[in-house]
Amino acid sequence: MARKGNSTEEIIQALREVEVRLKQGETVQNAIAESFNARLRDELLNETLFRSLGHARQMIEARRHDYNHHRPHSKLGWLTPAGYATRWTQNEELKGRPSGAFNDDWIPDPTG
């Protein structure tokens, strides 16, 4: 993405460019992207008045971090995406499985 200024119009245009790129994916990816976009819009974009493009980036990054590290997801067995990734990696390493093999019933022991 080309470097943009800080006007409201430029921030809106930058967000539209990201949305257009997301919409160019496959049908299933579009459904996932649309769900994500709707939630992002409801929880952040509609409630935040961005002072600049830098402020928008900072707030979106904070939202991304919260989403990936602090919010459990039902589709991931109520784990956060980061927790799920850790679980998957530990499962692969401890079980010596080839990449892609995953045991959904295995839960890592947090005590070691």
C-alpha atoms as a PDB file:
ATOM      1  CA  MET A   1       0.000   0.000   0.000  1.00  0.00           C
ATOM      2  CA  ALA A   2       1.375   3.380  -0.918  1.00  0.00           C
ATOM      3  CA  ARG A   3       2.148   5.797   1.883  1.00  0.00           C
ATOM      4  CA  LYS A   4      -0.908   7.920   2.636  1.00  0.00           C
ATOM      5  CA  GLY A   5      -1.414  11.164   4.506  1.00  0.00           C
ATOM      6  CA  ASN A   6      -3.529  11.671   7.589  1.00  0.00           C
ATOM      7  CA  SER A   7      -6.760  13.190   6.296  1.00  0.00           C
ATOM      8  CA  THR A   8     -10.029  11.428   7.040  1.00  0.00           C
ATOM      9  CA  GLU A   9     -10.557  10.840   3.334  1.00  0.00           C
ATOM     10  CA  GLU A  10      -7.124   9.211   3.001  1.00  0.00           C
ATOM     11  CA  ILE A  11      -7.747   6.945   6.006  1.00  0.00           C
ATOM     12  CA  ILE A  12     -11.112   5.877   4.585  1.00  0.00           C
ATOM     13  CA  GLN A  13      -9.527   5.251   1.168  1.00  0.00           C
ATOM     14  CA  ALA A  14      -6.756   3.127   2.747  1.00  0.00           C
ATOM     15  CA  LEU A  15      -9.335   1.018   4.605  1.00  0.00           C
ATOM     16  CA  ARG A  16     -11.379   0.612   1.400  1.00  0.00           C
ATOM     17  CA  GLU A  17      -8.273  -0.592  -0.460  1.00  0.00           C
ATOM     18  CA  VAL A  18      -7.722  -3.273   2.207  1.00  0.00           C
ATOM     19  CA  GLU A  19     -11.379  -4.298   2.017  1.00  0.00           C
ATOM     20  CA  VAL A  20     -11.228  -4.580  -1.794  1.00  0.00           C
ATOM     21  CA  ARG A  21      -8.154  -6.824  -1.574  1.00  0.00           C
ATOM     22  CA  LEU A  22      -9.935  -9.059   0.939  1.00  0.00           C
ATOM     23  CA  LYS A  23     -13.012  -9.312  -1.287  1.00  0.00           C
ATOM     24  CA  GLN A  24     -10.950 -10.565  -4.226  1.00  0.00           C
ATOM     25  CA  GLY A  25     -10.369 -13.951  -2.538  1.00  0.00           C
ATOM     26  CA  GLU A  26     -12.337 -17.156  -2.979  1.00  0.00           C
ATOM     27  CA  THR A  27     -15.987 -17.531  -1.923  1.00  0.00           C
ATOM     28  CA  VAL A  28     -15.228 -19.154   1.449  1.00  0.00           C
ATOM     29  CA  GLN A  29     -12.486 -16.631   2.112  1.00  0.00           C
ATOM     30  CA  ASN A  30     -14.981 -13.876   1.335  1.00  0.00           C
ATOM     31  CA  ALA A  31     -17.406 -15.228   3.945  1.00  0.00           C
ATOM     32  CA  ILE A  32     -14.642 -15.312   6.531  1.00  0.00           C
ATOM     33  CA  ALA A  33     -13.406 -11.863   5.505  1.00  0.00           C
ATOM     34  CA  GLU A  34     -16.946 -10.448   5.545  1.00  0.00           C
ATOM     35  CA  SER A  35     -17.555 -11.814   9.026  1.00  0.00           C
ATOM     36  CA  PHE A  36     -14.249 -10.373  10.213  1.00  0.00           C
ATOM     37  CA  ASN A  37     -14.923  -7.023   8.509  1.00  0.00           C
ATOM     38  CA  ALA A  38     -18.398  -6.773  10.033  1.00  0.00           C
ATOM     39  CA  ARG A  39     -17.081  -7.480  13.506  1.00  0.00           C
ATOM     40  CA  LEU A  40     -14.162  -5.058  13.046  1.00  0.00           C
ATOM     41  CA  ARG A  41     -16.564  -2.387  11.827  1.00  0.00           C
ATOM     42  CA  ASP A  42     -19.011  -2.945  14.727  1.00  0.00           C
ATOM     43  CA  GLU A  43     -16.401  -3.157  17.468  1.00  0.00           C
ATOM     44  CA  LEU A  44     -13.827  -0.597  16.330  1.00  0.00           C
ATOM     45  CA  LEU A  45     -14.445   1.441  13.204  1.00  0.00           C
ATOM     46  CA  ASN A  46     -17.958   2.632  14.088  1.00  0.00           C
ATOM     47  CA  GLU A  47     -16.920   3.586  17.616  1.00  0.00           C
ATOM     48  CA  THR A  48     -13.537   5.233  17.073  1.00  0.00           C
ATOM     49  CA  LEU A  49     -12.739   8.645  15.651  1.00  0.00           C
ATOM     50  CA  PHE A  50      -9.222   8.265  14.284  1.00  0.00           C
ATOM     51  CA  ARG A  51      -7.004  11.326  14.611  1.00  0.00           C
ATOM     52  CA  SER A  52      -4.579  10.199  11.925  1.00  0.00           C
ATOM     53  CA  LEU A  53      -3.561   7.229   9.813  1.00  0.00           C
ATOM     54  CA  GLY A  54      -0.964   6.405  12.472  1.00  0.00           C
ATOM     55  CA  HIS A  55      -3.656   6.423  15.151  1.00  0.00           C
ATOM     56  CA  ALA A  56      -5.853   4.164  12.989  1.00  0.00           C
ATOM     57  CA  ARG A  57      -2.958   1.725  12.535  1.00  0.00           C
ATOM     58  CA  GLN A  58      -2.226   1.753  16.273  1.00  0.00           C
ATOM     59  CA  MET A  59      -5.856   1.062  17.214  1.00  0.00           C
ATOM     60  CA  ILE A  60      -6.253  -1.661  14.579  1.00  0.00           C
ATOM     61  CA  GLU A  61      -3.028  -3.331  15.752  1.00  0.00           C
ATOM     62  CA  ALA A  62      -4.279  -3.231  19.363  1.00  0.00           C
ATOM     63  CA  ARG A  63      -7.565  -4.795  18.199  1.00  0.00           C
ATOM     64  CA  ARG A  64      -5.653  -7.470  16.243  1.00  0.00           C
ATOM     65  CA  HIS A  65      -3.540  -8.324  19.285  1.00  0.00           C
ATOM     66  CA  ASP A  66      -6.625  -8.555  21.515  1.00  0.00           C
ATOM     67  CA  TYR A  67      -8.434 -10.699  18.940  1.00  0.00           C
ATOM     68  CA  ASN A  68      -5.521 -13.140  18.580  1.00  0.00           C
ATOM     69  CA  HIS A  69      -4.277 -13.313  22.182  1.00  0.00           C
ATOM     70  CA  HIS A  70      -7.175 -12.595  24.532  1.00  0.00           C
ATOM     71  CA  ARG A  71     -10.457 -13.575  22.842  1.00  0.00           C
ATOM     72  CA  PRO A  72     -11.408 -17.248  22.731  1.00  0.00           C
ATOM     73  CA  HIS A  73     -13.096 -18.487  19.562  1.00  0.00           C
ATOM     74  CA  SER A  74     -15.809 -21.145  19.494  1.00  0.00           C
ATOM     75  CA  LYS A  75     -14.437 -22.683  16.273  1.00  0.00           C
ATOM     76  CA  LEU A  76     -11.087 -23.213  18.022  1.00  0.00           C
ATOM     77  CA  GLY A  77     -12.542 -25.049  21.009  1.00  0.00           C
ATOM     78  CA  TRP A  78     -12.727 -21.803  22.978  1.00  0.00           C
ATOM     79  CA  LEU A  79      -8.987 -21.208  22.662  1.00  0.00           C
ATOM     80  CA  THR A  80      -7.477 -17.974  21.424  1.00  0.00           C
ATOM     81  CA  PRO A  81      -5.860 -18.191  17.980  1.00  0.00           C
ATOM     82  CA  ALA A  82      -2.445 -17.842  19.635  1.00  0.00           C
ATOM     83  CA  GLY A  83      -3.315 -20.564  22.153  1.00  0.00           C
ATOM     84  CA  TYR A  84      -4.551 -22.817  19.366  1.00  0.00           C
ATOM     85  CA  ALA A  85      -1.334 -22.265  17.384  1.00  0.00           C
ATOM     86  CA  THR A  86       0.726 -23.098  20.474  1.00  0.00           C
ATOM     87  CA  ARG A  87      -1.330 -26.222  21.087  1.00  0.00           C
ATOM     88  CA  TRP A  88      -0.956 -27.316  17.469  1.00  0.00           C
ATOM     89  CA  THR A  89       2.814 -26.750  17.516  1.00  0.00           C
ATOM     90  CA  GLN A  90       3.227 -28.653  20.804  1.00  0.00           C
ATOM     91  CA  ASN A  91       1.086 -31.489  19.473  1.00  0.00           C
ATOM     92  CA  GLU A  92       3.217 -31.733  16.341  1.00  0.00           C
ATOM     93  CA  GLU A  93       6.499 -31.652  18.288  1.00  0.00           C
ATOM     94  CA  LEU A  94       5.532 -33.985  21.141  1.00  0.00           C
ATOM     95  CA  LYS A  95       3.713 -36.540  19.054  1.00  0.00           C
ATOM     96  CA  GLY A  96       6.279 -36.496  16.259  1.00  0.00           C
ATOM     97  CA  ARG A  97       3.489 -36.209  13.718  1.00  0.00           C
ATOM     98  CA  PRO A  98       4.056 -35.132  10.141  1.00  0.00           C
ATOM     99  CA  SER A  99       2.987 -31.586   9.361  1.00  0.00           C
ATOM    100  CA  GLY A 100      -0.784 -31.316   9.012  1.00  0.00           C
ATOM    101  CA  ALA A 101      -1.695 -34.258  11.280  1.00  0.00           C
ATOM    102  CA  PHE A 102      -3.640 -32.964  14.271  1.00  0.00           C
ATOM    103  CA  ASN A 103      -5.366 -34.658  17.178  1.00  0.00           C
ATOM    104  CA  ASP A 104      -8.245 -32.458  18.335  1.00  0.00           C
ATOM    105  CA  ASP A 105      -8.620 -34.483  21.539  1.00  0.00           C
ATOM    106  CA  TRP A 106      -5.078 -33.800  22.722  1.00  0.00           C
ATOM    107  CA  ILE A 107      -4.763 -30.857  25.121  1.00  0.00           C
ATOM    108  CA  PRO A 108      -1.298 -29.730  26.270  1.00  0.00           C
ATOM    109  CA  ASP A 109      -0.553 -29.806  29.975  1.00  0.00           C
ATOM    110  CA  PRO A 110       0.236 -26.164  30.945  1.00  0.00           C
ATOM    111  CA  THR A 111       2.264 -27.330  33.961  1.00  0.00           C
ATOM    112  CA  GLY A 112       4.833 -28.966  31.739  1.00  0.00           C
END
